[in-house]
Amino acid sequence: DTWTDLKRHTCSCGTLGVQENVANVVSVIAYPNPTNNTFINISASEAIENIAVYNVVGQEVISKKGYNNAKQILVETATLSKGIYTARILFENNKTAVIKISVQ
């Protein structure tokens, strides 16, 4: 989990569990994060199947499907209130990554 430069966060997020298999690790970058724009760009080392964004009480506020095996997806954040959100990113073979998104 590292910050590579201002407003850009990189993490190698894997599946949750006591033992984590290195083969399940997917690198995810979200930028700009925090965002005060109307979007956030999420890119990964593998094709993104779906992204779900949840507010602090666990309600799904955005769901977006990936397309054509794209490793990058643009998520509209204009309708979101300021705050911290959790994004769950689903990849093939049931791999998942969870990241925090900050909307200012």
C-alpha atoms as a PDB file:
ATOM      1  CA  ASP A   1       0.000   0.000   0.000  1.00  0.00           C
ATOM      2  CA  THR A   2       1.834   3.139  -1.148  1.00  0.00           C
ATOM      3  CA  TRP A   3       1.188   6.692  -2.235  1.00  0.00           C
ATOM      4  CA  THR A   4       3.196   7.280  -5.403  1.00  0.00           C
ATOM      5  CA  ASP A   5       2.398  10.956  -5.787  1.00  0.00           C
ATOM      6  CA  LEU A   6      -0.229  13.472  -4.754  1.00  0.00           C
ATOM      7  CA  LYS A   7      -3.778  12.282  -5.454  1.00  0.00           C
ATOM      8  CA  ARG A   8      -2.689   8.846  -6.690  1.00  0.00           C
ATOM      9  CA  HIS A   9      -2.888   5.696  -4.630  1.00  0.00           C
ATOM     10  CA  THR A  10      -1.479   2.309  -5.567  1.00  0.00           C
ATOM     11  CA  CYS A  11      -2.219  -0.916  -3.760  1.00  0.00           C
ATOM     12  CA  SER A  12      -1.761  -4.580  -4.435  1.00  0.00           C
ATOM     13  CA  CYS A  13      -5.054  -5.790  -3.029  1.00  0.00           C
ATOM     14  CA  GLY A  14      -5.862  -9.464  -2.885  1.00  0.00           C
ATOM     15  CA  THR A  15      -8.706 -11.579  -1.665  1.00  0.00           C
ATOM     16  CA  LEU A  16      -9.558 -11.492   2.012  1.00  0.00           C
ATOM     17  CA  GLY A  17      -8.523 -14.384   4.207  1.00  0.00           C
ATOM     18  CA  VAL A  18      -6.043 -15.669   6.723  1.00  0.00           C
ATOM     19  CA  GLN A  19      -3.768 -17.080   4.051  1.00  0.00           C
ATOM     20  CA  GLU A  20      -3.389 -15.068   0.895  1.00  0.00           C
ATOM     21  CA  ASN A  21      -2.222 -16.664  -2.323  1.00  0.00           C
ATOM     22  CA  VAL A  22       0.226 -14.428  -4.201  1.00  0.00           C
ATOM     23  CA  ALA A  23      -1.408 -15.508  -7.488  1.00  0.00           C
ATOM     24  CA  ASN A  24      -4.641 -13.765  -6.381  1.00  0.00           C
ATOM     25  CA  VAL A  25      -3.057 -10.332  -5.966  1.00  0.00           C
ATOM     26  CA  VAL A  26      -4.232  -7.662  -8.414  1.00  0.00           C
ATOM     27  CA  SER A  27      -2.615  -4.226  -8.603  1.00  0.00           C
ATOM     28  CA  VAL A  28      -5.170  -1.368  -8.559  1.00  0.00           C
ATOM     29  CA  ILE A  29      -4.655   2.378  -9.060  1.00  0.00           C
ATOM     30  CA  ALA A  30      -7.387   4.979  -8.426  1.00  0.00           C
ATOM     31  CA  TYR A  31      -6.839   8.599  -9.471  1.00  0.00           C
ATOM     32  CA  PRO A  32      -7.405  11.344  -8.727  1.00  0.00           C
ATOM     33  CA  ASN A  33      -7.984  10.165  -5.177  1.00  0.00           C
ATOM     34  CA  PRO A  34      -9.196  12.177  -3.386  1.00  0.00           C
ATOM     35  CA  THR A  35     -11.299  13.564  -6.199  1.00  0.00           C
ATOM     36  CA  ASN A  36     -13.112  16.854  -6.498  1.00  0.00           C
ATOM     37  CA  ASN A  37     -13.838  16.168 -10.160  1.00  0.00           C
ATOM     38  CA  THR A  38     -16.895  14.437 -11.573  1.00  0.00           C
ATOM     39  CA  PHE A  39     -15.058  11.141 -12.071  1.00  0.00           C
ATOM     40  CA  ILE A  40     -12.390   8.815 -10.760  1.00  0.00           C
ATOM     41  CA  ASN A  41     -10.303   6.606 -13.023  1.00  0.00           C
ATOM     42  CA  ILE A  42      -9.657   3.076 -11.785  1.00  0.00           C
ATOM     43  CA  SER A  43      -7.088   0.927 -13.538  1.00  0.00           C
ATOM     44  CA  ALA A  44      -5.846  -2.548 -12.689  1.00  0.00           C
ATOM     45  CA  SER A  45      -3.345  -5.167 -13.759  1.00  0.00           C
ATOM     46  CA  GLU A  46      -6.231  -7.429 -14.853  1.00  0.00           C
ATOM     47  CA  ALA A  47      -9.501  -6.942 -16.741  1.00  0.00           C
ATOM     48  CA  ILE A  48     -12.228  -5.366 -14.597  1.00  0.00           C
ATOM     49  CA  GLU A  49     -15.572  -7.190 -14.630  1.00  0.00           C
ATOM     50  CA  ASN A  50     -17.521  -4.978 -12.237  1.00  0.00           C
ATOM     51  CA  ILE A  51     -17.101  -2.119  -9.770  1.00  0.00           C
ATOM     52  CA  ALA A  52     -19.494  -1.459  -6.909  1.00  0.00           C
ATOM     53  CA  VAL A  53     -19.160   1.675  -4.763  1.00  0.00           C
ATOM     54  CA  TYR A  54     -20.611   1.739  -1.241  1.00  0.00           C
ATOM     55  CA  ASN A  55     -21.242   4.619   1.157  1.00  0.00           C
ATOM     56  CA  VAL A  56     -20.244   4.540   4.851  1.00  0.00           C
ATOM     57  CA  VAL A  57     -23.427   2.678   5.869  1.00  0.00           C
ATOM     58  CA  GLY A  58     -22.869  -0.047   3.271  1.00  0.00           C
ATOM     59  CA  GLN A  59     -25.437   1.027   0.681  1.00  0.00           C
ATOM     60  CA  GLU A  60     -24.419   0.443  -2.932  1.00  0.00           C
ATOM     61  CA  VAL A  61     -24.448   3.869  -4.607  1.00  0.00           C
ATOM     62  CA  ILE A  62     -22.762   3.011  -7.929  1.00  0.00           C
ATOM     63  CA  SER A  63     -22.441  -0.199  -9.918  1.00  0.00           C
ATOM     64  CA  LYS A  64     -20.632  -0.330 -13.225  1.00  0.00           C
ATOM     65  CA  LYS A  65     -19.712  -3.260 -15.452  1.00  0.00           C
ATOM     66  CA  GLY A  66     -16.420  -3.499 -17.281  1.00  0.00           C
ATOM     67  CA  TYR A  67     -16.394  -4.122 -21.006  1.00  0.00           C
ATOM     68  CA  ASN A  68     -14.171  -5.754 -23.632  1.00  0.00           C
ATOM     69  CA  ASN A  69     -11.678  -7.017 -21.038  1.00  0.00           C
ATOM     70  CA  ALA A  70     -10.710  -3.416 -20.239  1.00  0.00           C
ATOM     71  CA  LYS A  71      -8.203  -2.907 -17.429  1.00  0.00           C
ATOM     72  CA  GLN A  72      -9.384   0.656 -16.881  1.00  0.00           C
ATOM     73  CA  ILE A  73     -12.783   2.142 -16.084  1.00  0.00           C
ATOM     74  CA  LEU A  74     -14.069   5.659 -15.454  1.00  0.00           C
ATOM     75  CA  VAL A  75     -16.512   5.976 -12.553  1.00  0.00           C
ATOM     76  CA  GLU A  76     -18.804   9.019 -12.399  1.00  0.00           C
ATOM     77  CA  THR A  77     -18.703  10.635  -8.951  1.00  0.00           C
ATOM     78  CA  ALA A  78     -20.726  13.808  -9.647  1.00  0.00           C
ATOM     79  CA  THR A  79     -23.818  12.448  -7.857  1.00  0.00           C
ATOM     80  CA  LEU A  80     -21.900  11.465  -4.712  1.00  0.00           C
ATOM     81  CA  SER A  81     -21.851  13.617  -1.590  1.00  0.00           C
ATOM     82  CA  LYS A  82     -18.518  14.549  -0.035  1.00  0.00           C
ATOM     83  CA  GLY A  83     -17.114  11.702   2.007  1.00  0.00           C
ATOM     84  CA  ILE A  84     -15.323   8.374   2.028  1.00  0.00           C
ATOM     85  CA  TYR A  85     -16.577   5.460  -0.076  1.00  0.00           C
ATOM     86  CA  THR A  86     -15.491   1.861  -0.501  1.00  0.00           C
ATOM     87  CA  ALA A  87     -15.103   0.429  -4.004  1.00  0.00           C
ATOM     88  CA  ARG A  88     -15.216  -3.339  -4.500  1.00  0.00           C
ATOM     89  CA  ILE A  89     -13.652  -4.338  -7.799  1.00  0.00           C
ATOM     90  CA  LEU A  90     -14.391  -7.777  -9.223  1.00  0.00           C
ATOM     91  CA  PHE A  91     -12.057  -9.539 -11.648  1.00  0.00           C
ATOM     92  CA  GLU A  92     -12.353 -12.914 -13.361  1.00  0.00           C
ATOM     93  CA  ASN A  93     -11.781 -16.101 -11.340  1.00  0.00           C
ATOM     94  CA  ASN A  94     -13.495 -14.454  -8.327  1.00  0.00           C
ATOM     95  CA  LYS A  95     -10.568 -12.170  -7.602  1.00  0.00           C
ATOM     96  CA  THR A  96     -11.533  -8.986  -5.793  1.00  0.00           C
ATOM     97  CA  ALA A  97      -9.904  -5.788  -4.600  1.00  0.00           C
ATOM     98  CA  VAL A  98     -11.300  -3.265  -2.162  1.00  0.00           C
ATOM     99  CA  ILE A  99     -10.146   0.350  -2.148  1.00  0.00           C
ATOM    100  CA  LYS A 100     -11.193   3.574  -0.454  1.00  0.00           C
ATOM    101  CA  ILE A 101     -12.323   6.546  -2.536  1.00  0.00           C
ATOM    102  CA  SER A 102     -12.489  10.065  -1.130  1.00  0.00           C
ATOM    103  CA  VAL A 103     -14.849  12.621  -2.680  1.00  0.00           C
ATOM    104  CA  GLN A 104     -14.186  16.248  -1.729  1.00  0.00           C
END
